[in-house]
Amino acid sequence: MDISHIEHIGIAVPSLDEAIPFYEKMLGFKCFAIEEVADQKVRTAFFKVGQTKLELLEGTSEDSAISKFIAGNGGRGGIQHIAFAVQDGVANALGELEEKGCRLIDKAPRKGAEGLNIAFLHPKSTVGTLIELCEDPNK
């Protein structure tokens, strides 16, 4: 598996409408994309910070992973995952990791925000951090 860079850091927020102005006005970042990923029950907002992106995530349903994360965090948001770009394809990376005994949330890639193929690794196999693998958008 060839990880090229941190693709983005996912930050769960209770409300994009409240969070976006903070990142824009206080930190000076510019939101360049907002989209809904219906099958993941989430709305996302992206900011570019150097070569890395920040992805703000708002749950669109009480049973979404993001809404559950926020509820389990006392109603506050926080860093929810880190995403790495893989150059040799998400499917290949999943196969390699599964062979090494890594527990997978996704057995096969699926479409995520920005149309990228993605997959998640289970935090029980990653020392407690939810890790997302993304296809390298520069490939």
Protein backbone atom coordinates (compact mmCIF):
# COMPACT_ATOMS: atom_id res chain seq x y z
CA MET A 1 0.00 0.00 0.00
CA ASP A 2 1.39 3.37 -1.01
CA ILE A 3 0.02 6.27 1.08
CA SER A 4 0.90 9.54 -0.62
CA HIS A 5 -0.45 12.13 1.83
CA ILE A 6 -3.12 13.10 4.32
CA GLU A 7 -6.11 13.68 2.07
CA HIS A 8 -8.24 15.36 4.74
CA ILE A 9 -9.12 15.53 8.41
CA GLY A 10 -12.80 14.97 9.16
CA ILE A 11 -14.33 17.17 11.86
CA ALA A 12 -17.87 16.46 13.08
CA VAL A 13 -19.92 19.59 13.75
CA PRO A 14 -23.49 19.99 15.03
CA SER A 15 -24.24 22.58 12.31
CA LEU A 16 -22.44 23.56 9.11
CA ASP A 17 -24.31 26.88 9.19
CA GLU A 18 -22.61 27.70 12.50
CA ALA A 19 -19.22 26.11 11.80
CA ILE A 20 -18.47 27.49 8.32
CA PRO A 21 -18.47 31.15 9.45
CA PHE A 22 -15.97 30.34 12.22
CA TYR A 23 -13.52 28.71 9.80
CA GLU A 24 -13.96 31.53 7.27
CA LYS A 25 -14.12 34.63 9.50
CA MET A 26 -11.91 33.60 12.40
CA LEU A 27 -9.33 31.43 10.67
CA GLY A 28 -9.47 32.99 7.20
CA PHE A 29 -10.13 29.75 5.30
CA LYS A 30 -12.43 29.64 2.28
CA CYS A 31 -15.09 26.96 1.97
CA PHE A 32 -14.75 25.64 -1.58
CA ALA A 33 -17.43 22.94 -1.62
CA ILE A 34 -20.56 21.89 0.23
CA GLU A 35 -22.30 18.66 -0.67
CA GLU A 36 -24.61 16.03 0.72
CA VAL A 37 -23.64 12.37 0.66
CA ALA A 38 -27.10 10.87 1.06
CA ASP A 39 -26.10 7.23 1.62
CA GLN A 40 -23.83 8.30 4.49
CA LYS A 41 -26.50 10.66 5.90
CA VAL A 42 -24.06 13.56 6.00
CA ARG A 43 -23.48 17.06 4.60
CA THR A 44 -19.89 18.11 4.11
CA ALA A 45 -18.02 21.38 3.72
CA PHE A 46 -14.42 21.47 2.52
CA PHE A 47 -11.59 23.91 3.21
CA LYS A 48 -8.06 23.80 1.81
CA VAL A 49 -5.27 24.32 4.33
CA GLY A 50 -1.93 24.11 2.57
CA GLN A 51 -1.86 20.72 0.83
CA THR A 52 -4.47 19.19 3.17
CA LYS A 53 -8.21 19.62 3.35
CA LEU A 54 -10.49 19.95 6.34
CA GLU A 55 -13.85 18.25 5.93
CA LEU A 56 -16.60 19.48 8.22
CA LEU A 57 -19.32 16.86 8.65
CA GLU A 58 -22.92 17.43 9.73
CA GLY A 59 -25.29 14.50 10.21
CA THR A 60 -28.54 14.70 8.27
CA SER A 61 -30.28 12.06 10.37
CA GLU A 62 -30.19 11.12 14.06
CA ASP A 63 -28.99 7.63 13.11
CA SER A 64 -26.02 8.83 11.03
CA ALA A 65 -22.52 8.01 12.23
CA ILE A 66 -21.81 11.74 12.59
CA SER A 67 -24.92 12.43 14.68
CA LYS A 68 -24.06 9.46 16.90
CA PHE A 69 -20.47 10.70 17.26
CA ILE A 70 -21.68 14.16 18.33
CA ALA A 71 -24.25 12.70 20.74
CA GLY A 72 -21.53 10.53 22.30
CA ASN A 73 -19.34 13.62 22.63
CA GLY A 74 -21.80 15.56 24.78
CA GLY A 75 -23.41 17.31 21.81
CA ARG A 76 -20.11 18.81 20.70
CA GLY A 77 -18.20 18.14 17.55
CA GLY A 78 -14.59 17.14 17.24
CA ILE A 79 -12.09 15.33 15.07
CA GLN A 80 -13.92 12.26 13.78
CA HIS A 81 -11.45 10.71 11.33
CA ILE A 82 -8.26 11.13 9.35
CA ALA A 83 -8.16 10.23 5.67
CA PHE A 84 -5.10 9.05 3.78
CA ALA A 85 -4.76 9.06 -0.01
CA VAL A 86 -3.61 5.75 -1.46
CA GLN A 87 -1.97 5.60 -4.86
CA ASP A 88 -2.47 1.94 -5.63
CA GLY A 89 -6.25 1.97 -5.27
CA VAL A 90 -8.54 1.62 -2.28
CA ALA A 91 -9.52 -1.97 -3.15
CA ASN A 92 -5.87 -3.05 -3.25
CA ALA A 93 -5.17 -1.31 0.06
CA LEU A 94 -8.16 -3.01 1.69
CA GLY A 95 -7.00 -6.41 0.48
CA GLU A 96 -3.51 -5.83 1.81
CA LEU A 97 -4.74 -4.60 5.18
CA GLU A 98 -7.22 -7.45 5.58
CA GLU A 99 -4.42 -9.95 4.85
CA LYS A 100 -2.44 -8.33 7.67
CA GLY A 101 -5.39 -8.82 10.04
CA CYS A 102 -6.83 -5.31 10.03
CA ARG A 103 -10.55 -5.12 10.80
CA LEU A 104 -12.40 -3.31 8.01
CA ILE A 105 -15.64 -1.35 8.20
CA ASP A 106 -15.89 -1.40 4.40
CA LYS A 107 -14.95 -4.62 2.59
CA ALA A 108 -15.05 -2.78 -0.75
CA PRO A 109 -14.67 0.85 -1.80
CA ARG A 110 -17.75 3.09 -1.98
CA LYS A 111 -18.35 6.62 -3.21
CA GLY A 112 -17.70 9.41 -0.75
CA ALA A 113 -17.61 13.19 -0.88
CA GLU A 114 -16.03 14.75 -3.96
CA GLY A 115 -16.85 11.53 -5.84
CA LEU A 116 -13.78 9.75 -4.46
CA ASN A 117 -13.68 6.03 -3.80
CA ILE A 118 -13.31 5.58 -0.05
CA ALA A 119 -13.30 2.91 2.67
CA PHE A 120 -12.99 2.97 6.45
CA LEU A 121 -10.85 0.90 8.80
CA HIS A 122 -12.31 -0.08 12.16
CA PRO A 123 -10.92 1.87 15.15
CA LYS A 124 -10.50 -1.41 17.06
CA SER A 125 -7.71 -2.27 14.61
CA THR A 126 -6.16 1.20 14.39
CA VAL A 127 -5.41 1.95 18.03
CA GLY A 128 -8.65 3.91 18.39
CA THR A 129 -8.59 6.25 15.37
CA LEU A 130 -11.17 5.99 12.61
CA ILE A 131 -9.10 5.90 9.41
CA GLU A 132 -10.46 6.52 5.94
CA LEU A 133 -8.64 5.49 2.80
CA CYS A 134 -9.30 7.60 -0.29
CA GLU A 135 -8.26 7.22 -3.87
CA ASP A 136 -5.50 9.72 -4.58
CA PRO A 137 -7.26 12.54 -6.49
CA ASN A 138 -3.91 13.51 -8.07
CA LYS A 139 -3.50 10.14 -9.79
